[in-house]
PDB file of N, CA and C in Angstrom:
ATOM      1  N   UNK A   1     -33.009 -22.234  14.786  1.00  0.00           N
ATOM      2  CA  UNK A   1     -33.881 -21.922  15.883  1.00  0.00           C
ATOM      3  C   UNK A   1     -33.284 -22.427  17.199  1.00  0.00           C
ATOM      4  N   UNK A   2     -32.606 -23.569  17.143  1.00  0.00           N
ATOM      5  CA  UNK A   2     -31.994 -24.102  18.365  1.00  0.00           C
ATOM      6  C   UNK A   2     -30.924 -23.152  18.892  1.00  0.00           C
ATOM      7  N   UNK A   3     -30.144 -22.571  17.980  1.00  0.00           N
ATOM      8  CA  UNK A   3     -29.110 -21.617  18.408  1.00  0.00           C
ATOM      9  C   UNK A   3     -29.742 -20.376  19.037  1.00  0.00           C
ATOM     10  N   UNK A   4     -30.864 -19.951  18.475  1.00  0.00           N
ATOM     11  CA  UNK A   4     -31.574 -18.802  19.029  1.00  0.00           C
ATOM     12  C   UNK A   4     -32.073 -19.122  20.426  1.00  0.00           C
ATOM     13  N   UNK A   5     -32.675 -20.284  20.601  1.00  0.00           N
ATOM     14  CA  UNK A   5     -33.196 -20.673  21.913  1.00  0.00           C
ATOM     15  C   UNK A   5     -32.082 -20.811  22.946  1.00  0.00           C
ATOM     16  N   UNK A   6     -30.897 -21.194  22.490  1.00  0.00           N
ATOM     17  CA  UNK A   6     -29.757 -21.317  23.403  1.00  0.00           C
ATOM     18  C   UNK A   6     -29.102 -19.969  23.685  1.00  0.00           C
ATOM     19  N   UNK A   7     -29.571 -18.917  23.018  1.00  0.00           N
ATOM     20  CA  UNK A   7     -29.009 -17.588  23.231  1.00  0.00           C
ATOM     21  C   UNK A   7     -27.693 -17.355  22.511  1.00  0.00           C
ATOM     22  N   UNK A   8     -27.392 -18.194  21.515  1.00  0.00           N
ATOM     23  CA  UNK A   8     -26.118 -18.080  20.801  1.00  0.00           C
ATOM     24  C   UNK A   8     -26.221 -17.288  19.502  1.00  0.00           C
ATOM     25  N   UNK A   9     -27.411 -16.927  19.125  1.00  0.00           N
ATOM     26  CA  UNK A   9     -27.618 -16.202  17.868  1.00  0.00           C
ATOM     27  C   UNK A   9     -28.812 -15.272  18.048  1.00  0.00           C
ATOM     28  N   UNK A  10     -28.807 -14.199  17.285  1.00  0.00           N
ATOM     29  CA  UNK A  10     -29.916 -13.253  17.354  1.00  0.00           C
ATOM     30  C   UNK A  10     -30.049 -12.511  16.041  1.00  0.00           C
ATOM     31  N   UNK A  11     -31.051 -11.657  15.911  1.00  0.00           N
ATOM     32  CA  UNK A  11     -31.250 -10.920  14.670  1.00  0.00           C
ATOM     33  C   UNK A  11     -30.053 -10.073  14.254  1.00  0.00           C
ATOM     34  N   UNK A  12     -29.243  -9.666  15.208  1.00  0.00           N
ATOM     35  CA  UNK A  12     -28.064  -8.861  14.869  1.00  0.00           C
ATOM     36  C   UNK A  12     -27.056  -9.659  14.047  1.00  0.00           C
ATOM     37  N   UNK A  13     -27.135 -10.986  14.096  1.00  0.00           N
ATOM     38  CA  UNK A  13     -26.208 -11.843  13.349  1.00  0.00           C
ATOM     39  C   UNK A  13     -26.644 -12.082  11.906  1.00  0.00           C
ATOM     40  N   UNK A  14     -27.843 -11.658  11.531  1.00  0.00           N
ATOM     41  CA  UNK A  14     -28.374 -11.952  10.198  1.00  0.00           C
ATOM     42  C   UNK A  14     -27.534 -11.409   9.040  1.00  0.00           C
ATOM     43  N   UNK A  15     -26.993 -10.190   9.127  1.00  0.00           N
ATOM     44  CA  UNK A  15     -26.188  -9.719   7.993  1.00  0.00           C
ATOM     45  C   UNK A  15     -24.999 -10.629   7.681  1.00  0.00           C
ATOM     46  N   UNK A  16     -24.468 -11.282   8.684  1.00  0.00           N
ATOM     47  CA  UNK A  16     -23.336 -12.177   8.480  1.00  0.00           C
ATOM     48  C   UNK A  16     -23.790 -13.576   8.048  1.00  0.00           C
ATOM     49  N   UNK A  17     -24.844 -14.093   8.689  1.00  0.00           N
ATOM     50  CA  UNK A  17     -25.274 -15.468   8.453  1.00  0.00           C
ATOM     51  C   UNK A  17     -26.108 -15.647   7.189  1.00  0.00           C
ATOM     52  N   UNK A  18     -26.917 -14.664   6.844  1.00  0.00           N
ATOM     53  CA  UNK A  18     -27.813 -14.783   5.690  1.00  0.00           C
ATOM     54  C   UNK A  18     -27.956 -13.423   5.017  1.00  0.00           C
ATOM     55  N   UNK A  19     -26.887 -12.966   4.346  1.00  0.00           N
ATOM     56  CA  UNK A  19     -26.904 -11.610   3.805  1.00  0.00           C
ATOM     57  C   UNK A  19     -28.021 -11.351   2.790  1.00  0.00           C
ATOM     58  N   UNK A  20     -28.473 -12.379   2.088  1.00  0.00           N
ATOM     59  CA  UNK A  20     -29.482 -12.164   1.046  1.00  0.00           C
ATOM     60  C   UNK A  20     -30.883 -12.573   1.480  1.00  0.00           C
ATOM     61  N   UNK A  21     -31.056 -13.027   2.708  1.00  0.00           N
ATOM     62  CA  UNK A  21     -32.377 -13.380   3.198  1.00  0.00           C
ATOM     63  C   UNK A  21     -32.983 -14.593   2.516  1.00  0.00           C
ATOM     64  N   UNK A  22     -32.172 -15.598   2.254  1.00  0.00           N
ATOM     65  CA  UNK A  22     -32.645 -16.769   1.508  1.00  0.00           C
ATOM     66  C   UNK A  22     -33.234 -17.870   2.379  1.00  0.00           C
ATOM     67  N   UNK A  23     -32.969 -17.858   3.669  1.00  0.00           N
ATOM     68  CA  UNK A  23     -33.350 -18.976   4.517  1.00  0.00           C
ATOM     69  C   UNK A  23     -34.578 -18.633   5.367  1.00  0.00           C
ATOM     70  N   UNK A  24     -35.573 -19.526   5.391  1.00  0.00           N
ATOM     71  CA  UNK A  24     -36.773 -19.259   6.189  1.00  0.00           C
ATOM     72  C   UNK A  24     -36.473 -19.031   7.668  1.00  0.00           C
ATOM     73  N   UNK A  25     -35.428 -19.666   8.179  1.00  0.00           N
ATOM     74  CA  UNK A  25     -35.072 -19.482   9.581  1.00  0.00           C
ATOM     75  C   UNK A  25     -34.719 -18.046   9.912  1.00  0.00           C
ATOM     76  N   UNK A  26     -34.167 -17.333   8.942  1.00  0.00           N
ATOM     77  CA  UNK A  26     -33.822 -15.925   9.167  1.00  0.00           C
ATOM     78  C   UNK A  26     -35.081 -15.102   9.412  1.00  0.00           C
ATOM     79  N   UNK A  27     -36.104 -15.385   8.615  1.00  0.00           N
ATOM     80  CA  UNK A  27     -37.359 -14.639   8.773  1.00  0.00           C
ATOM     81  C   UNK A  27     -38.017 -14.996  10.093  1.00  0.00           C
ATOM     82  N   UNK A  28     -37.928 -16.260  10.484  1.00  0.00           N
ATOM     83  CA  UNK A  28     -38.488 -16.676  11.770  1.00  0.00           C
ATOM     84  C   UNK A  28     -37.755 -15.981  12.913  1.00  0.00           C
ATOM     85  N   UNK A  29     -36.443 -15.851  12.776  1.00  0.00           N
ATOM     86  CA  UNK A  29     -35.636 -15.195  13.804  1.00  0.00           C
ATOM     87  C   UNK A  29     -36.043 -13.736  13.961  1.00  0.00           C
ATOM     88  N   UNK A  30     -36.268 -13.057  12.849  1.00  0.00           N
ATOM     89  CA  UNK A  30     -36.670 -11.648  12.897  1.00  0.00           C
ATOM     90  C   UNK A  30     -38.011 -11.504  13.603  1.00  0.00           C
ATOM     91  N   UNK A  31     -38.932 -12.423  13.342  1.00  0.00           N
ATOM     92  CA  UNK A  31     -40.260 -12.291  13.937  1.00  0.00           C
ATOM     93  C   UNK A  31     -40.290 -12.666  15.413  1.00  0.00           C
ATOM     94  N   UNK A  32     -39.302 -13.415  15.890  1.00  0.00           N
ATOM     95  CA  UNK A  32     -39.276 -13.852  17.292  1.00  0.00           C
ATOM     96  C   UNK A  32     -38.725 -12.789  18.243  1.00  0.00           C
ATOM     97  N   UNK A  33     -38.071 -11.776  17.708  1.00  0.00           N
ATOM     98  CA  UNK A  33     -37.406 -10.765  18.544  1.00  0.00           C
ATOM     99  C   UNK A  33     -37.890  -9.369  18.187  1.00  0.00           C
ATOM    100  N   UNK A  34     -37.779  -8.440  19.128  1.00  0.00           N
ATOM    101  CA  UNK A  34     -38.048  -7.037  18.784  1.00  0.00           C
ATOM    102  C   UNK A  34     -37.048  -6.573  17.723  1.00  0.00           C
ATOM    103  N   UNK A  35     -37.504  -5.775  16.811  1.00  0.00           N
ATOM    104  CA  UNK A  35     -36.653  -5.299  15.724  1.00  0.00           C
ATOM    105  C   UNK A  35     -35.620  -4.318  16.264  1.00  0.00           C
ATOM    106  N   UNK A  36     -34.336  -4.625  15.999  1.00  0.00           N
ATOM    107  CA  UNK A  36     -33.284  -3.697  16.408  1.00  0.00           C
ATOM    108  C   UNK A  36     -32.679  -3.051  15.162  1.00  0.00           C
ATOM    109  N   UNK A  37     -31.744  -2.165  15.375  1.00  0.00           N
ATOM    110  CA  UNK A  37     -31.195  -1.385  14.269  1.00  0.00           C
ATOM    111  C   UNK A  37     -30.485  -2.258  13.227  1.00  0.00           C
ATOM    112  N   UNK A  38     -29.702  -3.242  13.674  1.00  0.00           N
ATOM    113  CA  UNK A  38     -28.977  -4.095  12.722  1.00  0.00           C
ATOM    114  C   UNK A  38     -29.917  -4.973  11.913  1.00  0.00           C
ATOM    115  N   UNK A  39     -30.938  -5.527  12.570  1.00  0.00           N
ATOM    116  CA  UNK A  39     -31.907  -6.356  11.849  1.00  0.00           C
ATOM    117  C   UNK A  39     -32.691  -5.502  10.854  1.00  0.00           C
ATOM    118  N   UNK A  40     -33.035  -4.283  11.234  1.00  0.00           N
ATOM    119  CA  UNK A  40     -33.749  -3.383  10.329  1.00  0.00           C
ATOM    120  C   UNK A  40     -32.879  -3.039   9.119  1.00  0.00           C
ATOM    121  N   UNK A  41     -31.599  -2.816   9.354  1.00  0.00           N
ATOM    122  CA  UNK A  41     -30.681  -2.527   8.237  1.00  0.00           C
ATOM    123  C   UNK A  41     -30.579  -3.735   7.310  1.00  0.00           C
ATOM    124  N   UNK A  42     -30.564  -4.941   7.878  1.00  0.00           N
ATOM    125  CA  UNK A  42     -30.527  -6.172   7.075  1.00  0.00           C
ATOM    126  C   UNK A  42     -31.780  -6.251   6.209  1.00  0.00           C
ATOM    127  N   UNK A  43     -32.948  -6.016   6.816  1.00  0.00           N
ATOM    128  CA  UNK A  43     -34.197  -6.067   6.064  1.00  0.00           C
ATOM    129  C   UNK A  43     -34.219  -5.022   4.962  1.00  0.00           C
ATOM    130  N   UNK A  44     -33.745  -3.823   5.267  1.00  0.00           N
ATOM    131  CA  UNK A  44     -33.754  -2.744   4.288  1.00  0.00           C
ATOM    132  C   UNK A  44     -32.857  -3.058   3.100  1.00  0.00           C
ATOM    133  N   UNK A  45     -31.769  -3.814   3.332  1.00  0.00           N
ATOM    134  CA  UNK A  45     -30.832  -4.128   2.256  1.00  0.00           C
ATOM    135  C   UNK A  45     -31.262  -5.279   1.372  1.00  0.00           C
ATOM    136  N   UNK A  46     -32.348  -5.968   1.722  1.00  0.00           N
ATOM    137  CA  UNK A  46     -32.800  -7.103   0.917  1.00  0.00           C
ATOM    138  C   UNK A  46     -33.506  -6.642  -0.355  1.00  0.00           C
ATOM    139  N   UNK A  47     -33.660  -7.583  -1.261  1.00  0.00           N
ATOM    140  CA  UNK A  47     -34.400  -7.357  -2.498  1.00  0.00           C
ATOM    141  C   UNK A  47     -35.816  -6.881  -2.155  1.00  0.00           C
ATOM    142  N   UNK A  48     -36.300  -5.817  -2.789  1.00  0.00           N
ATOM    143  CA  UNK A  48     -37.653  -5.316  -2.491  1.00  0.00           C
ATOM    144  C   UNK A  48     -38.737  -6.376  -2.663  1.00  0.00           C
ATOM    145  N   UNK A  49     -38.543  -7.307  -3.592  1.00  0.00           N
ATOM    146  CA  UNK A  49     -39.539  -8.367  -3.795  1.00  0.00           C
ATOM    147  C   UNK A  49     -39.618  -9.242  -2.549  1.00  0.00           C
ATOM    148  N   UNK A  50     -38.468  -9.581  -1.959  1.00  0.00           N
ATOM    149  CA  UNK A  50     -38.471 -10.378  -0.728  1.00  0.00           C
ATOM    150  C   UNK A  50     -39.151  -9.629   0.410  1.00  0.00           C
ATOM    151  N   UNK A  51     -38.855  -8.345   0.519  1.00  0.00           N
ATOM    152  CA  UNK A  51     -39.486  -7.556   1.577  1.00  0.00           C
ATOM    153  C   UNK A  51     -40.997  -7.498   1.371  1.00  0.00           C
ATOM    154  N   UNK A  52     -41.419  -7.359   0.117  1.00  0.00           N
ATOM    155  CA  UNK A  52     -42.845  -7.277  -0.184  1.00  0.00           C
ATOM    156  C   UNK A  52     -43.541  -8.610   0.131  1.00  0.00           C
ATOM    157  N   UNK A  53     -42.895  -9.736  -0.215  1.00  0.00           N
ATOM    158  CA  UNK A  53     -43.479 -11.044   0.068  1.00  0.00           C
ATOM    159  C   UNK A  53     -43.615 -11.280   1.565  1.00  0.00           C
ATOM    160  N   UNK A  54     -42.707 -10.702   2.336  1.00  0.00           N
ATOM    161  CA  UNK A  54     -42.763 -10.846   3.795  1.00  0.00           C
ATOM    162  C   UNK A  54     -43.693  -9.826   4.434  1.00  0.00           C
ATOM    163  N   UNK A  55     -44.290  -8.963   3.612  1.00  0.00           N
ATOM    164  CA  UNK A  55     -45.194  -7.955   4.142  1.00  0.00           C
ATOM    165  C   UNK A  55     -44.467  -6.787   4.774  1.00  0.00           C
ATOM    166  N   UNK A  56     -43.199  -6.590   4.412  1.00  0.00           N
ATOM    167  CA  UNK A  56     -42.408  -5.524   5.021  1.00  0.00           C
ATOM    168  C   UNK A  56     -42.155  -4.360   4.083  1.00  0.00           C
ATOM    169  N   UNK A  57     -42.757  -4.399   2.916  1.00  0.00           N
ATOM    170  CA  UNK A  57     -42.589  -3.324   1.953  1.00  0.00           C
ATOM    171  C   UNK A  57     -43.949  -3.092   1.312  1.00  0.00           C
ATOM    172  N   UNK A  58     -44.315  -1.849   1.078  1.00  0.00           N
ATOM    173  CA  UNK A  58     -45.630  -1.607   0.482  1.00  0.00           C
ATOM    174  C   UNK A  58     -45.708  -2.167  -0.938  1.00  0.00           C
ATOM    175  N   UNK A  59     -46.887  -2.563  -1.316  1.00  0.00           N
ATOM    176  CA  UNK A  59     -47.096  -3.065  -2.677  1.00  0.00           C
ATOM    177  C   UNK A  59     -46.894  -1.923  -3.663  1.00  0.00           C
ATOM    178  N   UNK A  60     -46.382  -2.229  -4.832  1.00  0.00           N
ATOM    179  CA  UNK A  60     -46.183  -1.170  -5.826  1.00  0.00           C
ATOM    180  C   UNK A  60     -47.526  -0.665  -6.336  1.00  0.00           C
ATOM    181  N   UNK A  61     -47.526   0.554  -6.799  1.00  0.00           N
ATOM    182  CA  UNK A  61     -48.741   1.134  -7.367  1.00  0.00           C
ATOM    183  C   UNK A  61     -49.137   0.393  -8.636  1.00  0.00           C
ATOM    184  N   UNK A  62     -48.151   0.127  -9.485  1.00  0.00           N
ATOM    185  CA  UNK A  62     -48.405  -0.559 -10.755  1.00  0.00           C
ATOM    186  C   UNK A  62     -48.155  -2.054 -10.572  1.00  0.00           C
ATOM    187  N   UNK A  63     -48.547  -2.814 -11.566  1.00  0.00           N
ATOM    188  CA  UNK A  63     -48.325  -4.252 -11.535  1.00  0.00           C
ATOM    189  C   UNK A  63     -46.829  -4.532 -11.435  1.00  0.00           C
ATOM    190  N   UNK A  64     -46.429  -5.508 -10.669  1.00  0.00           N
ATOM    191  CA  UNK A  64     -45.021  -5.804 -10.414  1.00  0.00           C
ATOM    192  C   UNK A  64     -44.435  -6.612 -11.573  1.00  0.00           C
ATOM    193  N   UNK A  65     -43.844  -5.931 -12.525  1.00  0.00           N
ATOM    194  CA  UNK A  65     -43.293  -6.599 -13.708  1.00  0.00           C
ATOM    195  C   UNK A  65     -42.092  -7.470 -13.360  1.00  0.00           C
ATOM    196  N   UNK A  66     -41.319  -7.058 -12.390  1.00  0.00           N
ATOM    197  CA  UNK A  66     -40.151  -7.845 -11.988  1.00  0.00           C
ATOM    198  C   UNK A  66     -40.577  -9.223 -11.473  1.00  0.00           C
ATOM    199  N   UNK A  67     -41.597  -9.241 -10.639  1.00  0.00           N
ATOM    200  CA  UNK A  67     -42.087 -10.504 -10.099  1.00  0.00           C
ATOM    201  C   UNK A  67     -42.701 -11.359 -11.208  1.00  0.00           C
ATOM    202  N   UNK A  68     -43.433 -10.741 -12.103  1.00  0.00           N
ATOM    203  CA  UNK A  68     -44.017 -11.473 -13.234  1.00  0.00           C
ATOM    204  C   UNK A  68     -42.922 -12.123 -14.076  1.00  0.00           C
ATOM    205  N   UNK A  69     -41.833 -11.401 -14.295  1.00  0.00           N
ATOM    206  CA  UNK A  69     -40.711 -11.926 -15.067  1.00  0.00           C
ATOM    207  C   UNK A  69     -40.071 -13.133 -14.377  1.00  0.00           C
ATOM    208  N   UNK A  70     -39.876 -13.042 -13.067  1.00  0.00           N
ATOM    209  CA  UNK A  70     -39.277 -14.141 -12.324  1.00  0.00           C
ATOM    210  C   UNK A  70     -40.160 -15.386 -12.381  1.00  0.00           C
ATOM    211  N   UNK A  71     -41.451 -15.213 -12.220  1.00  0.00           N
ATOM    212  CA  UNK A  71     -42.379 -16.344 -12.273  1.00  0.00           C
ATOM    213  C   UNK A  71     -42.370 -16.961 -13.670  1.00  0.00           C
ATOM    214  N   UNK A  72     -42.370 -16.131 -14.685  1.00  0.00           N
ATOM    215  CA  UNK A  72     -42.363 -16.614 -16.062  1.00  0.00           C
ATOM    216  C   UNK A  72     -41.095 -17.410 -16.361  1.00  0.00           C
ATOM    217  N   UNK A  73     -39.949 -16.938 -15.891  1.00  0.00           N
ATOM    218  CA  UNK A  73     -38.686 -17.649 -16.098  1.00  0.00           C
ATOM    219  C   UNK A  73     -38.717 -19.024 -15.434  1.00  0.00           C
ATOM    220  N   UNK A  74     -39.256 -19.090 -14.239  1.00  0.00           N
ATOM    221  CA  UNK A  74     -39.332 -20.376 -13.532  1.00  0.00           C
ATOM    222  C   UNK A  74     -40.283 -21.337 -14.235  1.00  0.00           C
ATOM    223  N   UNK A  75     -41.382 -20.824 -14.756  1.00  0.00           N
ATOM    224  CA  UNK A  75     -42.319 -21.679 -15.490  1.00  0.00           C
ATOM    225  C   UNK A  75     -41.657 -22.240 -16.746  1.00  0.00           C
ATOM    226  N   UNK A  76     -40.918 -21.404 -17.460  1.00  0.00           N
ATOM    227  CA  UNK A  76     -40.235 -21.869 -18.686  1.00  0.00           C
ATOM    228  C   UNK A  76     -39.195 -22.926 -18.344  1.00  0.00           C
ATOM    229  N   UNK A  77     -38.523 -22.770 -17.211  1.00  0.00           N
ATOM    230  CA  UNK A  77     -37.495 -23.734 -16.817  1.00  0.00           C
ATOM    231  C   UNK A  77     -38.113 -25.087 -16.483  1.00  0.00           C
ATOM    232  N   UNK A  78     -39.336 -25.093 -15.986  1.00  0.00           N
ATOM    233  CA  UNK A  78     -39.988 -26.345 -15.600  1.00  0.00           C
ATOM    234  C   UNK A  78     -40.719 -27.012 -16.764  1.00  0.00           C
ATOM    235  N   UNK A  79     -40.980 -26.256 -17.833  1.00  0.00           N
ATOM    236  CA  UNK A  79     -41.748 -26.788 -18.948  1.00  0.00           C
ATOM    237  C   UNK A  79     -40.827 -26.996 -20.139  1.00  0.00           C
ATOM    238  N   UNK A  80     -40.654 -28.229 -20.604  1.00  0.00           N
ATOM    239  CA  UNK A  80     -39.768 -28.463 -21.749  1.00  0.00           C
ATOM    240  C   UNK A  80     -40.364 -27.855 -23.025  1.00  0.00           C
ATOM    241  N   UNK A  81     -39.509 -27.430 -23.954  1.00  0.00           N
ATOM    242  CA  UNK A  81     -40.024 -26.860 -25.197  1.00  0.00           C
ATOM    243  C   UNK A  81     -40.770 -27.912 -26.023  1.00  0.00           C
ATOM    244  N   UNK A  82     -41.720 -27.465 -26.811  1.00  0.00           N
ATOM    245  CA  UNK A  82     -42.458 -28.367 -27.686  1.00  0.00           C
ATOM    246  C   UNK A  82     -41.558 -28.873 -28.800  1.00  0.00           C
ATOM    247  N   UNK A  83     -41.781 -30.088 -29.267  1.00  0.00           N
ATOM    248  CA  UNK A  83     -40.954 -30.605 -30.382  1.00  0.00           C
ATOM    249  C   UNK A  83     -41.091 -29.704 -31.605  1.00  0.00           C
ATOM    250  N   UNK A  84     -39.974 -29.430 -32.242  1.00  0.00           N
ATOM    251  CA  UNK A  84     -39.972 -28.597 -33.448  1.00  0.00           C
ATOM    252  C   UNK A  84     -39.921 -27.108 -33.189  1.00  0.00           C
ATOM    253  N   UNK A  85     -39.815 -26.706 -31.934  1.00  0.00           N
ATOM    254  CA  UNK A  85     -39.755 -25.256 -31.627  1.00  0.00           C
ATOM    255  C   UNK A  85     -38.433 -24.891 -31.030  1.00  0.00           C
TER     256      UNK A  85
END
């Protein structure tokens, strides 16, 4: 954010700085500026789940199985298996 305020970075730099949209600062940068063509292309190239979580992609008609799978995997990783299983 400091680089943005100093005028040294902008949404056009996102494809280079955060190609996968993993950093919250990238999303903050997009919301602080008018959407330009490069930033829109960056958003379009992201994972649909990320776009949906940011409110930039319509919700699927059916239940989102991909998101359910990701949540389930994370829960299993945090929960140790029961003894004997």
